[in-house]
Amino acid sequence: MTWSSRAPRIEAFIALGAVVGALTLSACSSPRSEAGAPPSETVHLAPFNSGTLTPPVTDPPAETVPVTETVPVTEPAPTTTTLPANQIFVGAFPGTIVPVGNADGPDTAVIQLRLIQLGFWNAQANGKYGVTTKQAVMAFQKYSGIEATGLVDEVTAAAIVALEIKGYGAADTGTLIEVDKARQLLFVVVDGVTQWVINASTGNGLPFDEPDKNSPGARNVTGVALTPDGLWKVDREREDGWWKGDLGDIYRPKYFNKGIAVHGANSVPNYPASHGCVRVSVPAMDFIWANNIMPKGMHVWVHS
């Protein structure tokens, strides 16, 4: 039987449907469907045309638009950096530092002022490249990890410009003298804040066997040139000028561990060179005495 021979029956069927209303065909439910299941998809029968039955057309399901939840965006709080209490921000130098070597002049006066601002002690900003300026430059170089020549070259000049925080040691509490043997520096600390950084030279660690300069002809003085680590106190001092120590002349010593003292010396190189004492320059020792920086009873912290 062809589709055209079945046309009268289909037309009669359609006519019957017109009497009772529009005919709809429902998709079959699964045998397991239960009452209350969602209504089945509706399929519309296309009209018969020229003996050809157009296949049923399924309406596309309605498009589902996802609901986008609005999530409030919290702006991150701005970050701020708070320096520890023992660090003082001074900022980078706004001008130019000229690599003067060790020459005198106005450019050297600028260097002297900047080093004082950064806490590296030197006597004055007079433009003269003298002992205390060389010592201050050497202290700055040691502190900054630059070869400690005592001369202001291009690397040193750039570092003097760039340093933003005043020189400071490891101590962050108390009033004391801190001796950093690793960097060969002395720090003057007041209430946990470093006031000054001073070039220093400590024991060289070598054994010695030398004549006793206070007792000629007596047995030699022997030992190892060590500056022991520890927390000590100033317990003796000699105020006036040079004194003859057993191993050489020392200037205005402040003793803190038996015969070991902070004292002035004519030679304060960029390496450990003493028999165990802490050497600073003669002008630096005068500064310590004049300002009562190391009174008796003052703590001295020595560390590696």
Protein backbone atom coordinates (compact mmCIF):
# COMPACT_ATOMS: atom_id res chain seq x y z
CA MET A 1 0.00 0.00 0.00
CA THR A 2 1.27 3.44 -0.98
CA TRP A 3 1.15 6.68 1.00
CA SER A 4 -1.47 8.00 -1.57
CA SER A 5 -3.89 5.05 -1.11
CA ARG A 6 -3.92 5.74 2.64
CA ALA A 7 -4.81 9.40 2.19
CA PRO A 8 -8.67 9.05 2.60
CA ARG A 9 -8.22 7.23 5.90
CA ILE A 10 -5.81 9.76 7.23
CA GLU A 11 -8.07 12.62 6.11
CA ALA A 12 -11.04 10.95 7.85
CA PHE A 13 -8.94 10.56 10.98
CA ILE A 14 -7.99 14.21 10.83
CA ALA A 15 -11.64 15.20 10.32
CA LEU A 16 -12.67 13.17 13.36
CA GLY A 17 -10.01 14.92 15.38
CA ALA A 18 -11.37 18.28 14.27
CA VAL A 19 -14.74 17.42 15.85
CA VAL A 20 -13.28 16.75 19.31
CA GLY A 21 -10.57 19.39 19.10
CA ALA A 22 -7.07 19.66 17.89
CA LEU A 23 -5.36 16.32 18.03
CA THR A 24 -2.06 16.15 19.96
CA LEU A 25 0.16 13.15 20.25
CA SER A 26 2.03 12.72 23.51
CA ALA A 27 5.36 11.01 23.75
CA CYS A 28 5.22 7.76 25.66
CA SER A 29 6.22 7.76 29.28
CA SER A 30 8.66 5.29 30.61
CA PRO A 31 7.07 2.28 32.29
CA ARG A 32 8.72 3.47 35.49
CA SER A 33 7.23 6.97 35.27
CA GLU A 34 5.26 7.93 38.34
CA ALA A 35 2.37 10.28 38.91
CA GLY A 36 3.51 13.82 39.29
CA ALA A 37 6.25 13.44 36.68
CA PRO A 38 6.75 16.50 34.46
CA PRO A 39 4.44 16.68 31.38
CA SER A 40 5.64 14.91 28.28
CA GLU A 41 7.01 16.79 25.29
CA THR A 42 4.22 17.80 22.82
CA VAL A 43 4.55 16.73 19.16
CA HIS A 44 2.44 18.51 16.48
CA LEU A 45 1.26 16.54 13.43
CA ALA A 46 2.00 18.40 10.24
CA PRO A 47 -0.88 18.69 7.70
CA PHE A 48 -1.05 16.13 4.90
CA ASN A 49 0.03 17.54 1.57
CA SER A 50 -0.09 15.94 -1.89
CA GLY A 51 -0.05 12.43 -0.49
CA THR A 52 3.17 13.06 1.43
CA LEU A 53 3.33 12.98 5.19
CA THR A 54 5.75 15.50 6.59
CA PRO A 55 7.73 14.02 9.48
CA PRO A 56 6.81 15.32 12.90
CA VAL A 57 8.70 18.41 13.99
CA THR A 58 9.89 18.58 17.57
CA ASP A 59 9.87 22.01 19.12
CA PRO A 60 13.31 22.81 20.47
CA PRO A 61 13.39 23.09 24.22
CA ALA A 62 13.38 26.57 25.58
CA GLU A 63 16.86 27.93 26.06
CA THR A 64 17.94 28.00 29.66
CA VAL A 65 19.76 31.16 30.63
CA PRO A 66 22.09 30.53 33.54
CA VAL A 67 21.72 32.89 36.44
CA THR A 68 24.98 34.57 37.20
CA GLU A 69 25.51 35.32 40.84
CA THR A 70 27.06 38.68 41.54
CA VAL A 71 29.99 38.30 43.91
CA PRO A 72 31.16 41.44 45.62
CA VAL A 73 34.82 42.20 44.91
CA THR A 74 36.88 43.26 47.87
CA GLU A 75 39.72 45.56 46.97
CA PRO A 76 42.97 44.52 48.68
CA ALA A 77 44.11 46.88 51.35
CA PRO A 78 47.18 48.92 50.40
CA THR A 79 50.38 47.43 51.75
CA THR A 80 52.59 49.47 54.02
CA THR A 81 56.06 48.65 55.27
CA THR A 82 56.86 49.37 58.89
CA LEU A 83 60.53 49.32 59.76
CA PRO A 84 61.68 47.65 62.97
CA ALA A 85 62.19 50.08 65.82
CA ASN A 86 65.99 49.88 65.52
CA GLN A 87 66.00 51.04 61.89
CA ILE A 88 65.71 54.69 60.87
CA PHE A 89 64.68 55.67 57.34
CA VAL A 90 66.63 58.61 55.92
CA GLY A 91 65.97 58.13 52.20
CA ALA A 92 68.24 58.00 49.20
CA PHE A 93 70.52 60.98 48.64
CA PRO A 94 68.76 63.44 46.30
CA GLY A 95 71.96 64.78 44.78
CA THR A 96 75.19 63.44 43.33
CA ILE A 97 78.11 61.89 45.19
CA VAL A 98 81.36 62.39 43.31
CA PRO A 99 83.95 59.57 43.47
CA VAL A 100 86.67 61.79 44.94
CA GLY A 101 89.11 59.03 45.89
CA ASN A 102 90.76 60.70 48.88
CA ALA A 103 90.87 64.27 47.57
CA ASP A 104 89.93 67.35 49.58
CA GLY A 105 87.26 69.80 48.43
CA PRO A 106 83.55 70.64 48.47
CA ASP A 107 82.60 67.24 47.03
CA THR A 108 84.29 65.61 50.00
CA ALA A 109 82.30 67.85 52.35
CA VAL A 110 79.10 66.50 50.74
CA ILE A 111 80.33 62.94 51.34
CA GLN A 112 81.14 63.74 54.96
CA LEU A 113 77.66 65.19 55.56
CA ARG A 114 75.98 62.21 53.93
CA LEU A 115 78.01 59.70 55.98
CA ILE A 116 77.10 61.54 59.18
CA GLN A 117 73.43 61.42 58.13
CA LEU A 118 73.77 57.65 57.62
CA GLY A 119 75.36 57.24 61.06
CA PHE A 120 78.98 56.57 60.04
CA TRP A 121 80.98 58.64 62.47
CA ASN A 122 83.50 61.18 61.30
CA ALA A 123 84.64 64.29 63.11
CA GLN A 124 83.31 67.04 60.86
CA ALA A 125 82.26 68.03 57.36
CA ASN A 126 85.13 70.35 56.52
CA GLY A 127 86.01 69.03 53.05
CA LYS A 128 89.36 67.63 54.22
CA TYR A 129 89.87 63.93 53.56
CA GLY A 130 91.58 63.17 56.86
CA VAL A 131 91.78 60.21 59.24
CA THR A 132 88.17 60.25 60.42
CA THR A 133 86.79 60.57 56.89
CA LYS A 134 88.87 57.63 55.72
CA GLN A 135 87.71 55.63 58.74
CA ALA A 136 84.06 56.55 58.09
CA VAL A 137 84.36 55.54 54.43
CA MET A 138 85.99 52.26 55.44
CA ALA A 139 83.22 51.59 57.98
CA PHE A 140 80.60 52.29 55.30
CA GLN A 141 82.34 49.97 52.86
CA LYS A 142 82.52 47.15 55.43
CA TYR A 143 78.87 47.67 56.30
CA SER A 144 77.84 47.63 52.62
CA GLY A 145 79.96 44.64 51.62
CA ILE A 146 82.26 46.72 49.42
CA GLU A 147 86.03 46.29 49.38
CA ALA A 148 87.18 48.43 52.30
CA THR A 149 89.84 50.64 50.72
CA GLY A 150 88.93 53.84 52.53
CA LEU A 151 88.69 55.58 49.14
CA VAL A 152 85.49 56.81 47.50
CA ASP A 153 85.40 55.11 44.10
CA GLU A 154 82.40 54.90 41.75
CA VAL A 155 80.95 51.82 43.48
CA THR A 156 81.22 53.43 46.91
CA ALA A 157 79.79 56.74 45.68
CA ALA A 158 76.76 54.98 44.18
CA ALA A 159 76.20 53.03 47.42
CA ILE A 160 76.39 56.21 49.50
CA VAL A 161 73.64 57.68 47.32
CA ALA A 162 71.44 54.56 47.39
CA LEU A 163 71.44 53.60 51.08
CA GLU A 164 68.07 54.62 52.56
CA ILE A 165 68.29 53.32 56.13
CA LYS A 166 70.72 54.60 58.73
CA GLY A 167 73.43 52.10 59.62
CA TYR A 168 72.40 49.72 62.40
CA GLY A 169 73.67 46.63 64.21
CA ALA A 170 72.07 43.48 65.53
CA ALA A 171 71.11 44.92 68.94
CA ASP A 172 67.53 46.16 69.08
CA THR A 173 67.18 46.84 72.80
CA GLY A 174 69.23 48.38 75.57
CA THR A 175 72.09 50.87 75.67
CA LEU A 176 75.41 49.22 74.93
CA ILE A 177 78.45 48.90 72.71
CA GLU A 178 78.11 46.20 70.07
CA VAL A 179 81.23 44.75 68.44
CA ASP A 180 80.53 42.85 65.21
CA LYS A 181 83.65 40.78 64.51
CA ALA A 182 82.32 39.47 61.21
CA ARG A 183 82.15 42.98 59.77
CA GLN A 184 84.85 44.54 61.99
CA LEU A 185 82.57 47.33 63.15
CA LEU A 186 81.62 48.91 66.46
CA PHE A 187 78.04 50.12 66.99
CA VAL A 188 77.00 52.67 69.60
CA VAL A 189 73.46 51.63 70.62
CA VAL A 190 71.16 53.81 72.74
CA ASP A 191 67.74 52.47 73.77
CA GLY A 192 67.90 49.82 71.06
CA VAL A 193 68.73 52.25 68.24
CA THR A 194 72.18 52.52 66.66
CA GLN A 195 73.50 56.06 66.93
CA TRP A 196 76.91 55.59 65.34
CA VAL A 197 78.88 53.04 63.34
CA ILE A 198 82.65 53.19 63.91
CA ASN A 199 85.42 51.37 62.06
CA ALA A 200 87.14 48.77 64.26
CA SER A 201 89.75 46.02 64.20
CA THR A 202 89.66 43.04 66.58
CA GLY A 203 91.92 40.06 67.38
CA ASN A 204 93.50 38.36 64.39
CA GLY A 205 93.13 34.86 65.84
CA LEU A 206 96.84 34.06 65.57
CA PRO A 207 99.13 32.77 68.33
CA PHE A 208 101.71 35.26 69.60
CA ASP A 209 104.93 35.09 71.61
CA GLU A 210 106.28 38.60 72.17
CA PRO A 211 108.41 40.49 74.68
CA ASP A 212 106.61 42.12 77.59
CA LYS A 213 107.01 45.82 76.85
CA ASN A 214 106.39 46.74 80.47
CA SER A 215 108.99 44.30 81.82
CA PRO A 216 112.00 44.17 79.49
CA GLY A 217 113.98 40.96 79.92
CA ALA A 218 111.09 39.17 81.56
CA ARG A 219 109.35 36.19 80.09
CA ASN A 220 107.57 36.75 76.82
CA VAL A 221 103.86 37.31 76.68
CA THR A 222 102.23 34.41 74.90
CA GLY A 223 98.71 33.58 73.86
CA VAL A 224 96.25 33.63 70.98
CA ALA A 225 94.96 36.93 69.63
CA LEU A 226 91.25 36.43 70.27
CA THR A 227 88.42 38.81 71.07
CA PRO A 228 86.02 36.46 72.88
CA ASP A 229 82.32 36.55 72.12
CA GLY A 230 80.04 37.35 75.03
CA LEU A 231 78.20 40.02 76.97
CA TRP A 232 80.65 41.93 79.12
CA LYS A 233 80.79 45.14 81.15
CA VAL A 234 83.26 48.02 81.25
CA ASP A 235 85.07 47.57 84.57
CA ARG A 236 88.30 49.59 84.23
CA GLU A 237 89.48 52.57 82.23
CA ARG A 238 92.45 54.88 81.78
CA GLU A 239 91.47 58.36 80.77
CA ASP A 240 94.61 60.29 79.97
CA GLY A 241 96.48 59.74 76.74
CA TRP A 242 98.67 56.82 75.79
CA TRP A 243 99.45 53.92 78.08
CA LYS A 244 102.06 51.24 77.72
CA GLY A 245 100.37 47.90 77.50
CA ASP A 246 102.22 44.62 77.79
CA LEU A 247 101.99 44.20 74.02
CA GLY A 248 102.19 47.83 72.90
CA ASP A 249 100.88 51.35 73.38
CA ILE A 250 97.13 51.84 73.72
CA TYR A 251 95.13 55.08 73.84
CA ARG A 252 92.58 55.83 76.58
CA PRO A 253 91.44 52.22 77.02
CA LYS A 254 88.06 51.05 78.30
CA TYR A 255 88.53 47.50 79.63
CA PHE A 256 85.62 45.07 79.52
CA ASN A 257 87.13 41.56 79.70
CA LYS A 258 90.28 41.34 81.83
CA GLY A 259 93.04 42.84 79.67
CA ILE A 260 90.83 43.29 76.60
CA ALA A 261 89.67 46.84 75.95
CA VAL A 262 88.24 49.21 73.40
CA HIS A 263 91.07 51.68 72.81
CA GLY A 264 92.44 54.16 70.33
CA ALA A 265 95.19 53.13 67.92
CA ASN A 266 97.13 54.72 65.10
CA SER A 267 96.44 51.73 62.87
CA VAL A 268 92.87 50.53 62.33
CA PRO A 269 93.03 48.53 59.10
CA ASN A 270 90.28 46.79 57.15
CA TYR A 271 91.00 43.40 58.73
CA PRO A 272 91.44 41.89 62.24
CA ALA A 273 94.88 43.00 63.40
CA SER A 274 94.99 43.29 67.19
CA HIS A 275 96.16 40.98 69.97
CA GLY A 276 92.53 40.79 71.15
CA CYS A 277 91.54 44.37 71.94
CA VAL A 278 89.05 46.36 69.88
CA ARG A 279 90.90 49.10 68.04
CA VAL A 280 89.27 52.35 66.94
CA SER A 281 90.92 55.52 65.69
CA VAL A 282 92.39 57.99 68.19
CA PRO A 283 89.78 60.68 67.31
CA ALA A 284 86.99 58.10 67.69
CA MET A 285 88.27 57.21 71.17
CA ASP A 286 88.34 60.90 72.11
CA PHE A 287 84.73 61.15 70.88
CA ILE A 288 83.73 58.18 73.06
CA TRP A 289 85.31 59.76 76.14
CA ALA A 290 84.02 63.28 75.46
CA ASN A 291 80.43 62.08 75.18
CA ASN A 292 80.59 59.51 78.01
CA ILE A 293 79.55 56.81 75.56
CA MET A 294 81.26 53.96 77.47
CA PRO A 295 80.95 54.62 81.21
CA LYS A 296 81.95 51.99 83.73
CA GLY A 297 79.23 49.37 84.01
CA MET A 298 78.22 49.76 80.35
CA HIS A 299 77.50 46.48 78.55
CA VAL A 300 79.74 45.43 75.67
CA TRP A 301 78.32 42.75 73.39
CA VAL A 302 80.90 40.96 71.23
CA HIS A 303 79.66 38.56 68.56
CA SER A 304 80.94 36.91 65.41
